[in-house]
Amino acid sequence: MHSQKVRMPQNFADFYSFAFQYCLTEDEQKWIDVKCICELLDIVMGSQFPSQVALFTKYLKIQNDYKVINMDQWTSFLRFCSQPQQNLNTLSIDYSANQTRTLPKPFEWTFF
């Protein structure tokens, strides 16, 4: 019963944030090492988003740029997983077309 309530989208975000904060072991600590994050992701999100968690934790384990994850990064991953995913296999982009694209002029502020 409780696990069903936690899995509801409006409650899961709070639980997800709590899980990160619970793993902070020092008063001023604002990050968790990548090894612990991989385990935490598997525990907290593994059953709900198995493919995303598996791919992300695999990446975290082989990359060398990040040693720790902060709360902003942690919540960004939840937002990413919660968004409807586009099937990239059906995405068609023609990279051979040499099309020049122009960006619109920046908005000019007028002060009175």
Protein backbone atom coordinates (compact mmCIF):
# COMPACT_ATOMS: atom_id res chain seq x y z
CA MET A 1 0.00 0.00 0.00
CA HIS A 2 2.71 2.50 0.96
CA SER A 3 4.84 1.65 -2.07
CA GLN A 4 1.85 2.40 -4.32
CA LYS A 5 1.45 5.82 -2.72
CA VAL A 6 5.15 6.56 -3.11
CA ARG A 7 5.04 5.63 -6.81
CA MET A 8 2.33 8.20 -7.53
CA PRO A 9 3.99 11.02 -9.52
CA GLN A 10 3.10 13.77 -7.05
CA ASN A 11 4.62 11.78 -4.16
CA PHE A 12 7.54 10.20 -6.00
CA ALA A 13 9.38 13.49 -6.54
CA ASP A 14 9.35 14.12 -2.77
CA PHE A 15 10.52 10.57 -2.07
CA TYR A 16 13.24 10.89 -4.72
CA SER A 17 14.57 14.10 -3.11
CA PHE A 18 14.37 12.53 0.34
CA ALA A 19 16.40 9.51 -0.82
CA PHE A 20 19.24 11.81 -1.93
CA GLN A 21 19.16 13.87 1.26
CA TYR A 22 19.07 10.73 3.41
CA CYS A 23 22.39 9.62 1.92
CA LEU A 24 24.19 12.83 2.85
CA THR A 25 26.40 11.82 5.75
CA GLU A 26 27.77 15.20 6.87
CA ASP A 27 26.04 18.44 7.84
CA GLU A 28 27.37 20.60 5.01
CA GLN A 29 27.60 17.86 2.38
CA LYS A 30 25.90 18.70 -0.93
CA TRP A 31 26.96 15.77 -3.12
CA ILE A 32 27.15 11.99 -3.23
CA ASP A 33 29.90 9.99 -4.89
CA VAL A 34 29.09 8.30 -8.20
CA LYS A 35 29.40 4.76 -6.83
CA CYS A 36 26.70 5.42 -4.20
CA ILE A 37 24.54 7.28 -6.73
CA CYS A 38 24.54 4.25 -9.02
CA GLU A 39 23.31 2.03 -6.19
CA LEU A 40 20.76 4.60 -5.07
CA LEU A 41 19.38 5.02 -8.58
CA ASP A 42 18.93 1.29 -8.89
CA ILE A 43 17.11 1.09 -5.55
CA VAL A 44 14.91 4.17 -6.00
CA MET A 45 14.20 4.15 -9.75
CA GLY A 46 15.32 0.78 -11.07
CA SER A 47 11.89 -0.81 -11.14
CA GLN A 48 10.16 2.24 -12.57
CA PHE A 49 12.68 3.24 -15.27
CA PRO A 50 14.86 0.15 -15.76
CA SER A 51 16.40 0.97 -19.14
CA GLN A 52 17.18 4.61 -18.31
CA VAL A 53 18.72 3.68 -14.96
CA ALA A 54 20.77 0.85 -16.47
CA LEU A 55 22.16 3.04 -19.25
CA PHE A 56 22.87 6.01 -16.99
CA THR A 57 24.57 3.99 -14.28
CA LYS A 58 26.63 2.19 -16.92
CA TYR A 59 27.74 5.57 -18.26
CA LEU A 60 28.52 6.91 -14.78
CA LYS A 61 30.70 3.90 -14.05
CA ILE A 62 32.85 4.24 -17.18
CA GLN A 63 33.15 8.03 -17.47
CA ASN A 64 35.94 10.00 -15.78
CA ASP A 65 34.52 13.54 -15.70
CA TYR A 66 32.20 13.26 -12.72
CA LYS A 67 33.21 11.91 -9.33
CA VAL A 68 30.14 13.20 -7.46
CA ILE A 69 26.52 14.12 -8.19
CA ASN A 70 24.73 17.06 -6.57
CA MET A 71 21.01 17.52 -5.92
CA ASP A 72 20.42 19.50 -9.13
CA GLN A 73 21.92 16.73 -11.23
CA TRP A 74 19.96 14.14 -9.25
CA THR A 75 16.62 15.88 -9.82
CA SER A 76 17.44 16.53 -13.48
CA PHE A 77 17.68 12.79 -14.06
CA LEU A 78 14.20 12.31 -12.57
CA ARG A 79 12.81 15.06 -14.81
CA PHE A 80 14.47 13.44 -17.82
CA CYS A 81 12.99 10.03 -17.01
CA SER A 82 9.55 11.48 -16.30
CA GLN A 83 9.26 13.20 -19.68
CA PRO A 84 7.69 11.31 -22.57
CA GLN A 85 10.53 9.77 -24.55
CA GLN A 86 10.74 10.19 -28.29
CA ASN A 87 11.65 7.03 -30.13
CA LEU A 88 15.01 7.99 -31.62
CA ASN A 89 14.79 5.10 -34.09
CA THR A 90 12.00 6.92 -35.92
CA LEU A 91 13.78 10.27 -35.94
CA SER A 92 14.85 11.19 -39.45
CA ILE A 93 17.40 13.94 -39.98
CA ASP A 94 19.00 14.64 -43.34
CA TYR A 95 22.59 15.56 -42.51
CA SER A 96 23.59 15.70 -46.17
CA ALA A 97 21.48 18.78 -46.94
CA ASN A 98 23.54 21.95 -46.87
CA GLN A 99 20.94 24.33 -45.61
CA THR A 100 21.88 27.67 -44.19
CA ARG A 101 19.88 28.57 -41.15
CA THR A 102 19.66 32.08 -39.87
CA LEU A 103 18.80 32.85 -36.31
CA PRO A 104 16.29 35.59 -35.57
CA LYS A 105 17.64 38.91 -34.35
CA PRO A 106 17.75 39.19 -30.59
CA PHE A 107 14.82 40.89 -28.97
CA GLU A 108 15.56 44.55 -28.45
CA TRP A 109 14.38 46.04 -25.20
CA THR A 110 12.87 49.48 -25.35
CA PHE A 111 12.93 51.53 -22.19
CA PHE A 112 10.62 54.49 -21.80
